[in-house]
Amino acid sequence: MNSKDAKEALSYYTNNPRIISNGRLFESFESFSSTIKEFYANLFEINFAEYTDTRIEVLSANNAHFSTKFHWISTDKDGIKVDLKGTWSALFVLNDIKVWKMSFRHESFMPVL
């Protein structure tokens, strides 16, 4: 994967979303963007990605809540594998040009035993 993948991943957010990742509240979208760009720049391969117990709850005509459990295994450019399991949720809002964007995102990882 390359930086284009990070750019695409970041395009799904509103201008000023709130993002929490495993207990860390990102102080700005710029700091989150830097983390995502670094992740994609170092990613070599996605070995496994599974999403289960996925739910979408329509809150209003312009808001929906999405949640899922995930299991993700990837390998970085140094050959190090990461095996993550957890939950992921987001609040989507329909913007003025009728495109769904995330305004809030949360993920929590299960402890590695």
C-alpha atoms as a PDB file:
ATOM      1  CA  MET A   1       0.000   0.000   0.000  1.00  0.00           C
ATOM      2  CA  ASN A   2       1.088   3.594  -0.475  1.00  0.00           C
ATOM      3  CA  SER A   3       0.192   7.111   0.561  1.00  0.00           C
ATOM      4  CA  LYS A   4      -2.780   7.106  -1.818  1.00  0.00           C
ATOM      5  CA  ASP A   5      -4.423   4.542   0.465  1.00  0.00           C
ATOM      6  CA  ALA A   6      -4.005   6.830   3.478  1.00  0.00           C
ATOM      7  CA  LYS A   7      -5.421   9.740   1.493  1.00  0.00           C
ATOM      8  CA  GLU A   8      -8.465   7.660   0.560  1.00  0.00           C
ATOM      9  CA  ALA A   9      -8.941   6.439   4.136  1.00  0.00           C
ATOM     10  CA  LEU A  10      -8.827  10.014   5.436  1.00  0.00           C
ATOM     11  CA  SER A  11     -11.327  11.223   2.821  1.00  0.00           C
ATOM     12  CA  TYR A  12     -14.177   9.528   4.704  1.00  0.00           C
ATOM     13  CA  TYR A  13     -14.072  12.045   7.586  1.00  0.00           C
ATOM     14  CA  THR A  14     -15.729  15.399   8.194  1.00  0.00           C
ATOM     15  CA  ASN A  15     -13.500  18.465   8.497  1.00  0.00           C
ATOM     16  CA  ASN A  16     -13.162  18.292  12.271  1.00  0.00           C
ATOM     17  CA  PRO A  17     -14.013  14.794  13.572  1.00  0.00           C
ATOM     18  CA  ARG A  18     -13.461  13.504  17.104  1.00  0.00           C
ATOM     19  CA  ILE A  19     -11.290  10.399  17.115  1.00  0.00           C
ATOM     20  CA  ILE A  20     -10.515   8.021  19.967  1.00  0.00           C
ATOM     21  CA  SER A  21      -8.214   5.054  19.418  1.00  0.00           C
ATOM     22  CA  ASN A  22      -7.634   2.587  22.240  1.00  0.00           C
ATOM     23  CA  GLY A  23      -8.048   5.204  24.947  1.00  0.00           C
ATOM     24  CA  ARG A  24      -6.190   7.985  23.114  1.00  0.00           C
ATOM     25  CA  LEU A  25      -8.222  11.058  22.215  1.00  0.00           C
ATOM     26  CA  PHE A  26      -6.518  12.684  19.238  1.00  0.00           C
ATOM     27  CA  GLU A  27      -6.177  16.400  19.871  1.00  0.00           C
ATOM     28  CA  SER A  28      -6.712  17.213  16.186  1.00  0.00           C
ATOM     29  CA  PHE A  29      -7.512  15.616  12.858  1.00  0.00           C
ATOM     30  CA  GLU A  30      -3.988  16.562  11.741  1.00  0.00           C
ATOM     31  CA  SER A  31      -2.428  14.416  14.473  1.00  0.00           C
ATOM     32  CA  PHE A  32      -4.694  11.497  13.538  1.00  0.00           C
ATOM     33  CA  SER A  33      -3.852  12.018   9.846  1.00  0.00           C
ATOM     34  CA  SER A  34      -0.140  11.828  10.624  1.00  0.00           C
ATOM     35  CA  THR A  35      -0.652   8.530  12.444  1.00  0.00           C
ATOM     36  CA  ILE A  36      -2.681   7.064   9.561  1.00  0.00           C
ATOM     37  CA  LYS A  37      -0.171   8.218   6.937  1.00  0.00           C
ATOM     38  CA  GLU A  38       2.689   6.687   8.931  1.00  0.00           C
ATOM     39  CA  PHE A  39       0.756   3.432   9.322  1.00  0.00           C
ATOM     40  CA  TYR A  40       0.048   3.118   5.578  1.00  0.00           C
ATOM     41  CA  ALA A  41       3.609   4.106   4.661  1.00  0.00           C
ATOM     42  CA  ASN A  42       4.909   1.249   6.826  1.00  0.00           C
ATOM     43  CA  LEU A  43       2.256  -1.333   5.842  1.00  0.00           C
ATOM     44  CA  PHE A  44       3.458  -4.189   3.662  1.00  0.00           C
ATOM     45  CA  GLU A  45       0.488  -6.559   3.648  1.00  0.00           C
ATOM     46  CA  ILE A  46      -2.945  -7.083   5.150  1.00  0.00           C
ATOM     47  CA  ASN A  47      -2.909 -10.786   5.965  1.00  0.00           C
ATOM     48  CA  PHE A  48      -6.412 -11.081   7.392  1.00  0.00           C
ATOM     49  CA  ALA A  49      -9.371  -8.790   8.011  1.00  0.00           C
ATOM     50  CA  GLU A  50     -12.658  -9.988   9.460  1.00  0.00           C
ATOM     51  CA  TYR A  51     -15.596  -7.903  10.633  1.00  0.00           C
ATOM     52  CA  THR A  52     -18.408  -9.508  12.636  1.00  0.00           C
ATOM     53  CA  ASP A  53     -21.481  -8.438  14.565  1.00  0.00           C
ATOM     54  CA  THR A  54     -21.783  -5.384  12.304  1.00  0.00           C
ATOM     55  CA  ARG A  55     -24.696  -3.093  13.111  1.00  0.00           C
ATOM     56  CA  ILE A  56     -26.039   0.116  11.611  1.00  0.00           C
ATOM     57  CA  GLU A  57     -28.539   2.154  13.573  1.00  0.00           C
ATOM     58  CA  VAL A  58     -30.284   4.962  11.729  1.00  0.00           C
ATOM     59  CA  LEU A  59     -30.619   7.844  14.168  1.00  0.00           C
ATOM     60  CA  SER A  60     -32.244  10.369  11.821  1.00  0.00           C
ATOM     61  CA  ALA A  61     -32.377  11.184   8.112  1.00  0.00           C
ATOM     62  CA  ASN A  62     -28.835  12.617   8.356  1.00  0.00           C
ATOM     63  CA  ASN A  63     -27.179  10.525  11.092  1.00  0.00           C
ATOM     64  CA  ALA A  64     -26.336   6.861  11.517  1.00  0.00           C
ATOM     65  CA  HIS A  65     -24.272   4.881  14.011  1.00  0.00           C
ATOM     66  CA  PHE A  66     -22.083   2.034  12.723  1.00  0.00           C
ATOM     67  CA  SER A  67     -20.396  -0.566  14.942  1.00  0.00           C
ATOM     68  CA  THR A  68     -18.499  -3.805  14.368  1.00  0.00           C
ATOM     69  CA  LYS A  69     -16.089  -6.229  15.974  1.00  0.00           C
ATOM     70  CA  PHE A  70     -12.881  -6.788  14.054  1.00  0.00           C
ATOM     71  CA  HIS A  71      -9.904  -9.104  13.753  1.00  0.00           C
ATOM     72  CA  TRP A  72      -7.024  -7.665  11.731  1.00  0.00           C
ATOM     73  CA  ILE A  73      -3.608  -9.154  10.996  1.00  0.00           C
ATOM     74  CA  SER A  74      -1.054  -7.152   9.030  1.00  0.00           C
ATOM     75  CA  THR A  75       2.664  -7.235   8.297  1.00  0.00           C
ATOM     76  CA  ASP A  76       4.823  -4.128   8.201  1.00  0.00           C
ATOM     77  CA  LYS A  77       7.804  -3.493   5.912  1.00  0.00           C
ATOM     78  CA  ASP A  78      10.168  -4.886   8.586  1.00  0.00           C
ATOM     79  CA  GLY A  79       8.263  -8.198   8.574  1.00  0.00           C
ATOM     80  CA  ILE A  80       6.621  -7.596  11.962  1.00  0.00           C
ATOM     81  CA  LYS A  81       3.070  -8.949  12.219  1.00  0.00           C
ATOM     82  CA  VAL A  82       0.374  -7.175  14.169  1.00  0.00           C
ATOM     83  CA  ASP A  83      -2.654  -9.168  15.301  1.00  0.00           C
ATOM     84  CA  LEU A  84      -5.467  -6.958  16.596  1.00  0.00           C
ATOM     85  CA  LYS A  85      -8.966  -7.751  17.797  1.00  0.00           C
ATOM     86  CA  GLY A  86     -11.417  -5.208  19.058  1.00  0.00           C
ATOM     87  CA  THR A  87     -14.460  -3.063  18.446  1.00  0.00           C
ATOM     88  CA  TRP A  88     -14.894  -0.120  16.112  1.00  0.00           C
ATOM     89  CA  SER A  89     -17.706   2.396  15.871  1.00  0.00           C
ATOM     90  CA  ALA A  90     -18.439   5.619  14.058  1.00  0.00           C
ATOM     91  CA  LEU A  91     -21.107   8.289  13.812  1.00  0.00           C
ATOM     92  CA  PHE A  92     -21.811   9.123  10.179  1.00  0.00           C
ATOM     93  CA  VAL A  93     -23.441  12.365   9.076  1.00  0.00           C
ATOM     94  CA  LEU A  94     -24.887  13.171   5.670  1.00  0.00           C
ATOM     95  CA  ASN A  95     -23.300  16.403   4.450  1.00  0.00           C
ATOM     96  CA  ASP A  96     -24.756  19.124   2.204  1.00  0.00           C
ATOM     97  CA  ILE A  97     -23.696  17.343  -0.994  1.00  0.00           C
ATOM     98  CA  LYS A  98     -25.309  14.075   0.187  1.00  0.00           C
ATOM     99  CA  VAL A  99     -22.088  12.220   1.043  1.00  0.00           C
ATOM    100  CA  TRP A 100     -21.809  10.232   4.279  1.00  0.00           C
ATOM    101  CA  LYS A 101     -18.776  11.262   6.389  1.00  0.00           C
ATOM    102  CA  MET A 102     -17.540  10.212   9.834  1.00  0.00           C
ATOM    103  CA  SER A 103     -17.790  12.900  12.496  1.00  0.00           C
ATOM    104  CA  PHE A 104     -16.844  10.621  15.389  1.00  0.00           C
ATOM    105  CA  ARG A 105     -14.767   7.427  15.393  1.00  0.00           C
ATOM    106  CA  HIS A 106     -13.818   5.086  18.219  1.00  0.00           C
ATOM    107  CA  GLU A 107     -11.881   1.840  18.370  1.00  0.00           C
ATOM    108  CA  SER A 108     -10.777  -0.294  21.288  1.00  0.00           C
ATOM    109  CA  PHE A 109      -8.362  -3.209  21.102  1.00  0.00           C
ATOM    110  CA  MET A 110      -8.633  -6.367  23.184  1.00  0.00           C
ATOM    111  CA  PRO A 111      -5.627  -6.879  25.456  1.00  0.00           C
ATOM    112  CA  VAL A 112      -2.866  -9.086  24.040  1.00  0.00           C
ATOM    113  CA  LEU A 113      -2.447 -12.132  26.292  1.00  0.00           C
END
